[in-house]
């Protein structure tokens, strides 16, 4: 099949609103509850007894620092002891297992799985063509790619996922929000709505006029819903040694509303596009491996605040409840639904999973606009993204390779890795999984040992990183915004490949709303469950900061 017959998938990006910053803002990386790591070297026979005692004490401290249940889960999932995970592991160089690549360039996120056979590469490159090429307004001579809008955010998947990487927030008032979008939700007001949300029967309470996602563009004759704007405020934070790191806090506003004033209680969730690498590997992590990590915090542990929950969502393909794992709130079950939801909400394109235009009932110009839908036969509704196109895009998004680690055995990197484990970051950023072989055609992912550094769970990251209402207020903690997820909860992002983010795109930013320009800024913004770890980071001297940063950049 020729590339002109296929479609493309689109990223998910969203927006955010102001965050009240405290004297000591946010906190550290999403998960934490872990162990002081011992050196990988065994003591020599002639070492003193006191040295042996120190090693024993280190082991005891490690066990006390990490809840026993969490140690057991991490070691069970990884198949190796914690001490091995925390020291140099040559297998970890291949973060994506045999699918990975050893490329450190602007193309690091855009290559196919290295174990993809020649006979299967054609599907990858066809999917890639539709991921990159823009869709156009219907009717058009290129009828395999027409039907854009009528309301939309971008015309091509690549516009959000620049070089298949992460997005960034608008830099100034004149900058478009191409790789960031805003999800919307209203608070439940009736018992029926609350019951539907609690049972994951609906994703959210959509705004009656603006729906569940803001579209800031419209085709000719269809007013855009609003213009996204952002203002930045510097927020300095001081380390124990006097070093000052200047964070930036965003205030997102929606200007020029196209369909009436926004309700003051409307909750806004800004989100930048996530990188596309390794998604097929994350899809293969068994549900039970994710669920078993959602254990209650140990009240006797120094990290008793760490918990986590899985999102239970309504799968739009099957109509049944299932585990969510994709997106900033883990609101999507698998790649096929993630892709087709992005087609629909980000680009205004219909598919068999999302067959209805992304227009609200009162948006008459949107509803009456010409579509590019083609008949599918077999009783299926006319759609713009047919099943064949959707499968090629799914194959592409499933097989974008994870780049290998760099300098993994470097002394500074290993010292930073020890600090990462000492502070318990691996409690949420689960390092390693052993993937099963399943009865599907995901051949490249079968049986791989991977190092994504994520538990795929939701964690409360505190007030500073929480979504805000359009009026700038913190929503109630019991207000669900994406199935079971509230405004304070975020899915732990995978860390693999993060050290190459700015190599792929110099404008790439971190955290859900793109507020962090560097990895250290991202660490310092973490709060809520990770507050104690953020405070530990603030105690690091220059050497400690350099070591932690070196480890993160090696991923």
Protein backbone atom coordinates (compact mmCIF):
# COMPACT_ATOMS: atom_id res chain seq x y z
CA UNK A 1 0.00 0.00 0.00
CA UNK A 2 1.21 3.43 -0.88
CA UNK A 3 1.79 6.08 1.75
CA UNK A 4 -0.86 8.35 0.26
CA UNK A 5 -3.50 5.91 1.48
CA UNK A 6 -2.71 6.18 5.12
CA UNK A 7 -3.23 8.32 8.11
CA UNK A 8 -1.45 9.63 11.01
CA UNK A 9 -1.62 9.72 14.69
CA UNK A 10 -1.30 12.64 16.92
CA UNK A 11 0.22 13.51 20.21
CA UNK A 12 -1.39 14.57 23.30
CA UNK A 13 -0.41 17.84 24.81
CA UNK A 14 -2.22 19.97 27.28
CA UNK A 15 -2.04 23.11 29.26
CA UNK A 16 -1.79 24.33 32.73
CA UNK A 17 -2.55 27.28 34.94
CA UNK A 18 -0.76 29.24 37.65
CA UNK A 19 0.68 27.49 40.60
CA UNK A 20 1.15 29.00 43.97
CA UNK A 21 4.80 28.62 44.85
CA UNK A 22 6.08 28.29 48.36
CA UNK A 23 9.42 29.43 49.65
CA UNK A 24 10.64 25.96 48.95
CA UNK A 25 8.62 24.97 45.87
CA UNK A 26 8.18 21.60 44.55
CA UNK A 27 9.64 18.31 45.19
CA UNK A 28 11.49 15.44 43.63
CA UNK A 29 10.86 12.79 41.11
CA UNK A 30 7.67 10.95 40.95
CA UNK A 31 8.27 8.02 43.01
CA UNK A 32 10.34 7.47 45.92
CA UNK A 33 10.72 5.08 48.61
CA UNK A 34 13.96 3.36 48.45
CA UNK A 35 17.18 2.29 49.56
CA UNK A 36 20.62 3.44 50.40
CA UNK A 37 22.71 1.60 47.92
CA UNK A 38 25.83 -0.29 48.80
CA UNK A 39 28.92 -0.27 46.65
CA UNK A 40 29.04 -3.04 44.11
CA UNK A 41 32.55 -3.97 45.35
CA UNK A 42 33.03 -6.57 48.03
CA UNK A 43 35.34 -5.66 50.94
CA UNK A 44 38.85 -7.07 50.67
CA UNK A 45 39.86 -9.70 53.20
CA UNK A 46 42.31 -7.31 54.84
CA UNK A 47 39.76 -4.58 55.42
CA UNK A 48 39.04 -3.72 59.00
CA UNK A 49 36.15 -5.06 61.01
CA UNK A 50 34.81 -1.52 61.32
CA UNK A 51 34.52 -1.33 57.54
CA UNK A 52 32.48 -4.55 57.59
CA UNK A 53 30.23 -3.08 60.23
CA UNK A 54 29.69 0.00 58.08
CA UNK A 55 28.59 -2.21 55.19
CA UNK A 56 26.13 -4.01 57.45
CA UNK A 57 24.80 -0.68 58.65
CA UNK A 58 24.40 0.48 55.06
CA UNK A 59 22.33 -2.61 54.31
CA UNK A 60 20.16 -1.96 57.35
CA UNK A 61 19.67 1.67 56.34
CA UNK A 62 18.70 0.54 52.87
CA UNK A 63 16.03 -1.79 54.16
CA UNK A 64 14.69 0.88 56.49
CA UNK A 65 14.61 3.52 53.78
CA UNK A 66 12.46 1.46 51.45
CA UNK A 67 9.22 -0.23 52.45
CA UNK A 68 9.77 -4.01 52.39
CA UNK A 69 6.70 -4.49 50.20
CA UNK A 70 8.07 -2.07 47.63
CA UNK A 71 11.50 -3.72 47.62
CA UNK A 72 9.83 -7.06 47.00
CA UNK A 73 7.68 -5.73 44.16
CA UNK A 74 10.59 -3.98 42.40
CA UNK A 75 12.82 -7.04 42.68
CA UNK A 76 10.04 -9.36 41.52
CA UNK A 77 9.31 -7.23 38.46
CA UNK A 78 12.97 -6.82 37.59
CA UNK A 79 14.11 -10.35 38.38
CA UNK A 80 17.29 -9.04 40.05
CA UNK A 81 18.12 -7.72 43.56
CA UNK A 82 17.96 -4.02 44.36
CA UNK A 83 21.73 -3.81 44.83
CA UNK A 84 22.28 -4.91 41.23
CA UNK A 85 19.78 -2.37 39.95
CA UNK A 86 21.55 0.43 41.81
CA UNK A 87 25.04 -0.40 40.55
CA UNK A 88 26.46 -0.72 37.04
CA UNK A 89 24.46 -3.16 34.95
CA UNK A 90 25.72 -3.67 31.41
CA UNK A 91 22.30 -4.93 30.33
CA UNK A 92 20.78 -1.55 31.23
CA UNK A 93 22.76 0.12 28.44
CA UNK A 94 20.09 -1.34 26.15
CA UNK A 95 17.16 0.41 27.86
CA UNK A 96 14.76 -0.83 25.22
CA UNK A 97 16.19 -4.34 25.10
CA UNK A 98 16.86 -5.71 21.64
CA UNK A 99 14.60 -3.05 20.11
CA UNK A 100 17.01 -0.23 21.03
CA UNK A 101 19.39 1.80 18.90
CA UNK A 102 22.80 3.41 19.49
CA UNK A 103 22.14 6.80 17.88
CA UNK A 104 22.77 10.07 19.73
CA UNK A 105 21.54 12.74 17.32
CA UNK A 106 18.47 14.74 16.38
CA UNK A 107 17.11 11.49 14.91
CA UNK A 108 17.45 9.53 18.17
CA UNK A 109 13.68 9.25 18.66
CA UNK A 110 12.72 8.57 15.04
CA UNK A 111 14.25 5.21 14.18
CA UNK A 112 12.49 1.83 13.97
CA UNK A 113 13.10 -0.96 16.46
CA UNK A 114 16.49 -2.46 15.65
CA UNK A 115 15.04 -5.98 15.64
CA UNK A 116 12.36 -5.05 13.09
CA UNK A 117 12.74 -7.35 10.11
CA UNK A 118 12.97 -6.06 6.56
CA UNK A 119 9.57 -7.54 5.75
CA UNK A 120 7.95 -5.46 8.51
CA UNK A 121 9.76 -2.17 7.95
CA UNK A 122 7.42 -1.19 5.13
CA UNK A 123 4.54 -0.84 7.59
CA UNK A 124 6.70 1.33 9.83
CA UNK A 125 7.62 3.77 7.06
CA UNK A 126 4.06 3.99 5.75
CA UNK A 127 2.89 4.82 9.26
CA UNK A 128 5.69 7.35 9.52
CA UNK A 129 4.51 9.09 6.34
CA UNK A 130 1.07 9.65 7.81
CA UNK A 131 2.50 10.72 11.12
CA UNK A 132 4.52 13.46 9.42
CA UNK A 133 2.29 14.67 6.59
CA UNK A 134 -0.41 17.26 7.35
CA UNK A 135 -4.10 16.61 6.89
CA UNK A 136 -6.09 19.07 4.79
CA UNK A 137 -9.56 20.52 4.77
CA UNK A 138 -12.20 18.53 2.86
CA UNK A 139 -12.95 18.25 0.06
CA UNK A 140 -9.50 17.85 -1.45
CA UNK A 141 -7.82 15.89 -4.21
CA UNK A 142 -5.80 14.02 -1.59
CA UNK A 143 -8.89 12.28 -0.28
CA UNK A 144 -6.87 9.86 1.85
CA UNK A 145 -5.79 12.81 4.03
CA UNK A 146 -8.70 15.21 3.95
CA UNK A 147 -11.21 16.01 6.67
CA UNK A 148 -9.12 18.17 9.01
CA UNK A 149 -11.21 19.86 11.71
CA UNK A 150 -13.61 21.57 11.64
CA UNK A 151 -12.14 22.39 15.09
CA UNK A 152 -8.60 21.22 15.74
CA UNK A 153 -5.26 21.92 17.41
CA UNK A 154 -2.75 20.89 14.72
CA UNK A 155 -2.84 19.46 11.22
CA UNK A 156 -0.14 16.81 11.67
CA UNK A 157 1.00 14.48 14.44
CA UNK A 158 4.56 15.66 13.95
CA UNK A 159 3.49 19.22 14.78
CA UNK A 160 3.05 18.18 18.39
CA UNK A 161 5.61 15.40 18.64
CA UNK A 162 8.50 17.29 17.06
CA UNK A 163 10.88 14.67 15.65
CA UNK A 164 8.82 12.20 17.70
CA UNK A 165 9.92 13.99 20.86
CA UNK A 166 8.35 16.00 23.64
CA UNK A 167 6.62 19.34 23.21
CA UNK A 168 7.00 22.72 24.87
CA UNK A 169 4.74 25.43 26.18
CA UNK A 170 4.39 28.73 24.30
CA UNK A 171 7.46 30.84 24.96
CA UNK A 172 5.64 34.17 24.76
CA UNK A 173 2.34 35.79 23.76
CA UNK A 174 3.12 35.45 20.05
CA UNK A 175 4.06 31.78 20.20
CA UNK A 176 1.47 29.21 19.10
CA UNK A 177 0.60 26.31 21.38
CA UNK A 178 1.35 23.71 18.72
CA UNK A 179 2.87 21.08 21.00
CA UNK A 180 0.73 21.82 24.03
CA UNK A 181 -3.01 21.57 24.50
CA UNK A 182 -5.54 22.07 27.26
CA UNK A 183 -7.89 19.40 28.52
CA UNK A 184 -11.12 20.59 30.11
CA UNK A 185 -13.42 19.20 32.80
CA UNK A 186 -16.32 20.41 34.90
CA UNK A 187 -17.01 19.32 38.48
CA UNK A 188 -19.78 16.79 38.99
CA UNK A 189 -22.97 18.39 40.27
CA UNK A 190 -25.38 15.45 40.57
CA UNK A 191 -25.28 12.07 42.31
CA UNK A 192 -25.65 10.37 38.95
CA UNK A 193 -22.57 12.14 37.58
CA UNK A 194 -20.56 11.25 40.67
CA UNK A 195 -21.57 7.60 40.41
CA UNK A 196 -20.68 7.50 36.72
CA UNK A 197 -17.25 8.96 37.43
CA UNK A 198 -16.57 6.68 40.38
CA UNK A 199 -17.51 3.66 38.28
CA UNK A 200 -15.40 4.80 35.30
CA UNK A 201 -18.53 4.79 33.15
CA UNK A 202 -17.57 8.20 31.74
CA UNK A 203 -14.22 9.94 31.34
CA UNK A 204 -15.27 13.32 32.73
CA UNK A 205 -18.01 15.91 32.91
CA UNK A 206 -17.41 17.80 29.69
CA UNK A 207 -18.18 21.50 29.36
CA UNK A 208 -21.54 21.88 27.58
CA UNK A 209 -20.10 24.31 25.02
CA UNK A 210 -16.36 23.60 24.90
CA UNK A 211 -16.31 19.85 25.52
CA UNK A 212 -13.39 17.96 27.05
CA UNK A 213 -10.51 19.56 25.15
CA UNK A 214 -9.91 23.07 23.91
CA UNK A 215 -9.40 23.39 20.16
CA UNK A 216 -7.61 26.65 19.43
CA UNK A 217 -7.99 26.48 15.64
CA UNK A 218 -10.89 26.16 13.22
CA UNK A 219 -11.20 25.82 9.47
CA UNK A 220 -12.62 28.73 7.46
CA UNK A 221 -16.06 29.69 8.74
CA UNK A 222 -15.68 27.86 12.05
CA UNK A 223 -14.58 30.01 15.02
CA UNK A 224 -11.74 28.64 17.12
CA UNK A 225 -12.68 27.97 20.73
CA UNK A 226 -10.06 30.27 22.25
CA UNK A 227 -6.46 31.47 22.07
CA UNK A 228 -4.03 29.96 24.57
CA UNK A 229 -1.66 32.40 26.23
CA UNK A 230 0.93 32.00 28.99
CA UNK A 231 2.85 34.28 31.27
CA UNK A 232 5.96 33.19 33.15
CA UNK A 233 7.09 34.24 36.61
CA UNK A 234 10.56 33.48 37.97
CA UNK A 235 10.63 31.50 41.21
CA UNK A 236 14.11 31.21 42.72
CA UNK A 237 14.88 28.31 45.04
CA UNK A 238 18.01 28.06 47.19
CA UNK A 239 20.08 24.97 47.95
CA UNK A 240 21.70 24.40 51.32
CA UNK A 241 25.08 25.54 49.97
CA UNK A 242 23.60 28.84 48.73
CA UNK A 243 23.27 27.90 45.06
CA UNK A 244 20.14 29.41 43.52
CA UNK A 245 18.13 27.67 40.82
CA UNK A 246 15.52 29.84 39.12
CA UNK A 247 12.32 28.00 38.31
CA UNK A 248 9.54 29.48 36.20
CA UNK A 249 5.86 29.24 37.06
CA UNK A 250 3.27 29.46 34.28
CA UNK A 251 -0.05 31.25 34.27
CA UNK A 252 -2.15 30.01 31.38
CA UNK A 253 -5.09 32.05 30.15
CA UNK A 254 -7.73 31.49 27.47
CA UNK A 255 -8.35 34.59 25.40
CA UNK A 256 -10.97 35.39 22.74
CA UNK A 257 -13.54 32.70 23.65
CA UNK A 258 -15.42 31.76 20.52
CA UNK A 259 -18.54 30.26 22.11
CA UNK A 260 -19.32 32.27 25.21
CA UNK A 261 -17.68 32.97 28.54
CA UNK A 262 -15.93 30.20 30.45
CA UNK A 263 -17.43 29.02 33.72
CA UNK A 264 -15.27 29.99 36.70
CA UNK A 265 -15.17 26.38 37.94
CA UNK A 266 -14.00 24.99 34.58
CA UNK A 267 -10.83 22.98 35.28
CA UNK A 268 -7.92 23.40 32.87
CA UNK A 269 -5.20 20.81 32.38
CA UNK A 270 -2.30 21.98 30.20
CA UNK A 271 -0.23 19.15 28.73
CA UNK A 272 2.73 19.08 26.38
CA UNK A 273 3.22 16.26 23.90
CA UNK A 274 5.01 13.22 25.27
CA UNK A 275 7.90 11.50 23.43
CA UNK A 276 6.89 8.58 21.23
CA UNK A 277 9.76 6.18 21.96
CA UNK A 278 9.19 2.80 23.59
CA UNK A 279 5.39 2.96 23.61
CA UNK A 280 5.04 -0.56 22.25
CA UNK A 281 7.20 -1.84 25.09
CA UNK A 282 5.12 -0.05 27.73
CA UNK A 283 2.00 -1.52 26.15
CA UNK A 284 3.38 -5.02 26.75
CA UNK A 285 3.84 -4.61 30.51
CA UNK A 286 1.16 -6.91 31.97
CA UNK A 287 -1.72 -5.24 33.77
CA UNK A 288 -0.98 -7.24 36.90
CA UNK A 289 2.59 -5.92 37.02
CA UNK A 290 1.21 -2.39 37.13
CA UNK A 291 -1.56 -3.17 39.60
CA UNK A 292 0.73 -4.90 42.10
CA UNK A 293 2.72 -1.66 42.43
CA UNK A 294 -0.29 0.22 43.78
CA UNK A 295 0.39 -0.84 47.35
CA UNK A 296 -0.59 1.10 50.44
CA UNK A 297 2.19 3.24 51.91
CA UNK A 298 4.09 1.81 54.85
CA UNK A 299 3.40 4.06 57.85
CA UNK A 300 6.61 2.87 59.49
CA UNK A 301 8.78 3.88 56.54
CA UNK A 302 10.55 7.27 56.24
CA UNK A 303 8.79 7.51 52.86
CA UNK A 304 5.32 6.77 54.15
CA UNK A 305 3.83 9.45 51.88
CA UNK A 306 4.55 7.46 48.73
CA UNK A 307 1.58 5.64 47.30
CA UNK A 308 0.12 5.38 43.84
CA UNK A 309 -2.99 4.18 42.12
CA UNK A 310 -3.84 2.86 38.71
CA UNK A 311 -6.40 4.58 36.56
CA UNK A 312 -9.42 2.46 35.65
CA UNK A 313 -10.89 3.75 32.41
CA UNK A 314 -13.55 3.04 29.82
CA UNK A 315 -11.95 1.56 26.71
CA UNK A 316 -13.64 3.26 23.71
CA UNK A 317 -12.91 0.24 21.51
CA UNK A 318 -14.47 -2.44 23.70
CA UNK A 319 -16.84 -0.36 25.82
CA UNK A 320 -15.48 -2.11 28.92
CA UNK A 321 -13.45 -0.88 31.89
CA UNK A 322 -9.71 -1.52 31.62
CA UNK A 323 -6.38 -0.39 33.02
CA UNK A 324 -5.17 3.00 31.76
CA UNK A 325 -1.48 3.44 31.00
CA UNK A 326 -0.99 6.13 28.31
CA UNK A 327 -1.17 9.90 28.59
CA UNK A 328 -0.34 12.29 31.42
CA UNK A 329 -3.28 10.99 33.48
CA UNK A 330 -3.08 7.36 32.26
CA UNK A 331 -6.45 7.85 30.59
CA UNK A 332 -5.85 5.58 27.57
CA UNK A 333 -5.65 1.79 27.61
CA UNK A 334 -3.58 1.03 24.51
CA UNK A 335 -1.94 2.63 21.51
CA UNK A 336 -4.81 2.12 19.08
CA UNK A 337 -7.22 4.02 21.34
CA UNK A 338 -4.61 6.65 22.21
CA UNK A 339 -3.94 7.30 18.53
CA UNK A 340 -7.56 7.47 17.44
CA UNK A 341 -8.52 9.67 20.38
CA UNK A 342 -5.71 12.05 19.38
CA UNK A 343 -6.87 12.00 15.75
CA UNK A 344 -10.33 12.97 16.94
CA UNK A 345 -9.61 15.57 19.61
CA UNK A 346 -6.39 17.08 18.28
CA UNK A 347 -7.10 17.01 14.55
CA UNK A 348 -10.87 16.66 14.27
CA UNK A 349 -10.67 13.33 12.42
CA UNK A 350 -13.12 10.46 12.79
CA UNK A 351 -12.31 6.74 12.95
CA UNK A 352 -14.13 3.53 13.79
CA UNK A 353 -13.19 3.88 17.45
CA UNK A 354 -14.06 7.60 17.51
CA UNK A 355 -16.67 7.94 14.72
CA UNK A 356 -18.19 11.29 15.74
CA UNK A 357 -16.85 14.75 14.97
CA UNK A 358 -15.31 16.57 17.94
CA UNK A 359 -18.03 19.24 17.87
CA UNK A 360 -20.35 20.06 20.75
CA UNK A 361 -24.10 20.10 19.98
CA UNK A 362 -24.33 23.90 20.05
CA UNK A 363 -21.33 24.38 17.74
CA UNK A 364 -23.47 24.45 14.62
CA UNK A 365 -20.78 25.69 12.22
CA UNK A 366 -18.53 22.82 13.26
CA UNK A 367 -21.32 20.26 12.86
CA UNK A 368 -22.31 21.52 9.41
CA UNK A 369 -18.76 21.67 8.00
CA UNK A 370 -17.87 19.35 5.11
CA UNK A 371 -16.13 16.17 6.25
CA UNK A 372 -13.67 13.90 4.48
CA UNK A 373 -15.42 10.74 5.67
CA UNK A 374 -15.49 7.79 3.28
CA UNK A 375 -17.81 4.80 3.34
CA UNK A 376 -16.29 1.74 5.03
CA UNK A 377 -18.89 -0.88 4.23
CA UNK A 378 -19.90 -3.78 6.49
CA UNK A 379 -22.34 -1.52 8.30
CA UNK A 380 -19.60 0.75 9.61
CA UNK A 381 -20.10 4.53 9.66
CA UNK A 382 -18.21 6.73 7.18
CA UNK A 383 -14.91 7.87 8.71
CA UNK A 384 -11.83 9.90 7.76
CA UNK A 385 -9.21 7.55 9.23
CA UNK A 386 -9.96 4.06 7.96
CA UNK A 387 -8.87 0.88 9.73
CA UNK A 388 -5.99 0.26 7.34
CA UNK A 389 -4.52 3.69 7.99
CA UNK A 390 -5.06 3.32 11.74
CA UNK A 391 -3.16 0.03 11.78
CA UNK A 392 -0.17 1.49 9.98
CA UNK A 393 -0.03 4.39 12.41
CA UNK A 394 -0.36 2.00 15.34
CA UNK A 395 2.53 -0.09 14.01
CA UNK A 396 4.66 3.02 13.66
CA UNK A 397 3.96 4.28 17.17
CA UNK A 398 4.58 0.80 18.56
CA UNK A 399 8.03 0.48 17.01
CA UNK A 400 9.86 3.74 17.62
CA UNK A 401 13.10 2.61 19.22
CA UNK A 402 14.50 3.68 22.57
CA UNK A 403 18.09 4.98 22.29
CA UNK A 404 20.77 3.16 24.27
CA UNK A 405 22.23 4.76 27.37
CA UNK A 406 25.48 6.68 27.13
CA UNK A 407 28.32 6.71 29.69
CA UNK A 408 26.47 4.19 31.82
CA UNK A 409 29.72 2.98 33.41
CA UNK A 410 31.13 6.48 33.99
CA UNK A 411 32.19 7.14 37.59
CA UNK A 412 30.17 10.37 37.86
CA UNK A 413 27.09 8.75 36.32
CA UNK A 414 27.26 5.82 38.74
CA UNK A 415 27.61 8.21 41.68
CA UNK A 416 24.48 10.01 40.46
CA UNK A 417 22.67 6.71 40.07
CA UNK A 418 23.48 5.87 43.69
CA UNK A 419 22.04 9.21 44.79
CA UNK A 420 18.89 8.51 42.72
CA UNK A 421 18.42 5.20 44.53
CA UNK A 422 19.50 6.57 47.93
CA UNK A 423 16.68 9.11 47.75
CA UNK A 424 14.15 6.48 46.72
CA UNK A 425 13.32 7.82 43.28
CA UNK A 426 12.90 4.25 42.00
CA UNK A 427 9.83 3.81 44.18
CA UNK A 428 7.78 5.46 41.42
CA UNK A 429 10.31 5.32 38.61
CA UNK A 430 10.39 1.51 38.58
CA UNK A 431 13.63 0.69 36.76
CA UNK A 432 13.23 -2.66 35.08
CA UNK A 433 10.60 -5.06 33.70
CA UNK A 434 10.75 -8.45 32.06
CA UNK A 435 8.16 -8.55 29.29
CA UNK A 436 6.26 -11.74 28.49
CA UNK A 437 5.73 -13.39 25.13
CA UNK A 438 2.10 -12.93 24.20
CA UNK A 439 -0.27 -14.29 21.56
CA UNK A 440 -0.17 -11.26 19.28
CA UNK A 441 1.95 -9.89 16.47
CA UNK A 442 3.99 -7.56 18.72
CA UNK A 443 7.01 -9.64 17.82
CA UNK A 444 9.64 -6.98 18.42
CA UNK A 445 8.53 -6.44 22.02
CA UNK A 446 8.12 -10.10 23.04
CA UNK A 447 10.28 -11.18 25.97
CA UNK A 448 12.36 -8.01 26.16
CA UNK A 449 14.08 -6.83 29.36
CA UNK A 450 13.50 -3.09 29.53
CA UNK A 451 14.50 -0.15 31.76
CA UNK A 452 11.79 2.54 31.39
CA UNK A 453 11.92 3.94 34.96
CA UNK A 454 8.16 4.24 35.45
CA UNK A 455 5.43 2.45 37.40
CA UNK A 456 2.70 3.84 35.09
CA UNK A 457 0.71 4.77 38.20
CA UNK A 458 -0.90 8.04 39.24
CA UNK A 459 0.77 10.00 42.06
CA UNK A 460 -0.34 13.13 43.91
CA UNK A 461 2.39 15.65 43.10
CA UNK A 462 1.13 18.45 45.33
CA UNK A 463 -0.48 21.85 44.92
CA UNK A 464 2.27 23.45 42.85
CA UNK A 465 1.87 20.98 39.99
CA UNK A 466 -1.90 20.66 40.26
CA UNK A 467 -4.23 21.84 37.52
CA UNK A 468 -6.18 25.04 38.16
CA UNK A 469 -9.62 26.31 37.30
CA UNK A 470 -10.02 29.00 34.67
CA UNK A 471 -10.33 31.42 37.60
CA UNK A 472 -6.92 30.30 38.90
CA UNK A 473 -8.21 28.31 41.89
CA UNK A 474 -7.20 24.84 43.07
CA UNK A 475 -9.99 22.34 42.34
CA UNK A 476 -11.33 20.09 45.11
CA UNK A 477 -9.28 16.92 45.56
CA UNK A 478 -12.33 14.75 45.00
CA UNK A 479 -13.06 16.34 41.60
CA UNK A 480 -12.27 13.75 38.94
CA UNK A 481 -10.93 15.14 35.67
CA UNK A 482 -9.97 12.01 33.71
CA UNK A 483 -11.71 8.88 34.93
CA UNK A 484 -10.30 8.26 38.46
CA UNK A 485 -7.53 10.88 38.17
CA UNK A 486 -7.91 14.23 39.88
CA UNK A 487 -6.16 17.52 39.19
CA UNK A 488 -3.25 16.74 41.54
CA UNK A 489 -2.38 13.33 40.12
CA UNK A 490 0.02 12.57 37.29
CA UNK A 491 1.20 9.34 35.76
CA UNK A 492 4.88 8.67 36.34
CA UNK A 493 6.61 9.46 33.03
CA UNK A 494 9.18 7.05 31.63
CA UNK A 495 12.73 8.41 31.92
CA UNK A 496 14.39 6.41 29.17
CA UNK A 497 15.82 8.64 26.46
CA UNK A 498 15.28 11.79 28.55
CA UNK A 499 18.95 12.73 28.32
CA UNK A 500 18.59 13.19 24.55
CA UNK A 501 15.42 15.30 24.69
CA UNK A 502 17.17 18.57 23.85
CA UNK A 503 19.41 16.88 21.30
CA UNK A 504 16.25 15.90 19.43
CA UNK A 505 14.66 19.36 19.89
CA UNK A 506 16.44 22.23 21.60
CA UNK A 507 13.08 23.69 22.69
CA UNK A 508 11.94 20.51 24.48
CA UNK A 509 10.70 21.05 28.03
CA UNK A 510 9.78 18.81 30.96
CA UNK A 511 6.81 18.12 33.21
CA UNK A 512 3.21 18.02 32.01
CA UNK A 513 2.93 21.74 31.22
CA UNK A 514 6.48 22.28 29.98
CA UNK A 515 7.43 24.59 32.83
CA UNK A 516 10.79 22.90 33.48
CA UNK A 517 13.55 23.88 31.09
CA UNK A 518 16.10 21.51 32.60
CA UNK A 519 16.03 18.16 34.34
CA UNK A 520 17.04 19.76 37.64
CA UNK A 521 14.13 22.19 37.39
CA UNK A 522 11.81 19.23 36.85
CA UNK A 523 13.20 17.52 39.95
CA UNK A 524 12.77 20.63 42.08
CA UNK A 525 9.13 21.11 41.05
CA UNK A 526 8.10 17.67 42.31
CA UNK A 527 5.98 17.84 45.44
CA UNK A 528 3.19 16.03 47.24
CA UNK A 529 4.26 12.43 47.68
CA UNK A 530 7.82 13.37 46.66
CA UNK A 531 8.24 16.31 49.04
CA UNK A 532 10.82 14.61 51.25
CA UNK A 533 12.94 13.68 48.27
CA UNK A 534 12.87 17.20 46.89
CA UNK A 535 14.12 18.41 50.24
CA UNK A 536 16.95 15.89 50.06
CA UNK A 537 17.92 17.22 46.65
CA UNK A 538 18.08 20.74 48.09
CA UNK A 539 20.79 19.49 50.47
CA UNK A 540 23.06 18.41 47.60
CA UNK A 541 26.25 20.36 47.02
CA UNK A 542 27.60 21.10 43.56
CA UNK A 543 29.22 17.69 43.25
CA UNK A 544 25.99 15.96 44.23
CA UNK A 545 23.94 18.02 41.80
CA UNK A 546 26.38 17.34 38.99
CA UNK A 547 26.32 13.61 39.72
CA UNK A 548 22.52 13.38 39.78
CA UNK A 549 22.29 15.41 36.59
CA UNK A 550 24.92 13.21 34.90
CA UNK A 551 22.90 10.10 35.70
CA UNK A 552 19.66 11.57 34.34
CA UNK A 553 21.40 12.75 31.17
CA UNK A 554 22.80 9.26 30.64
CA UNK A 555 19.31 7.81 30.34
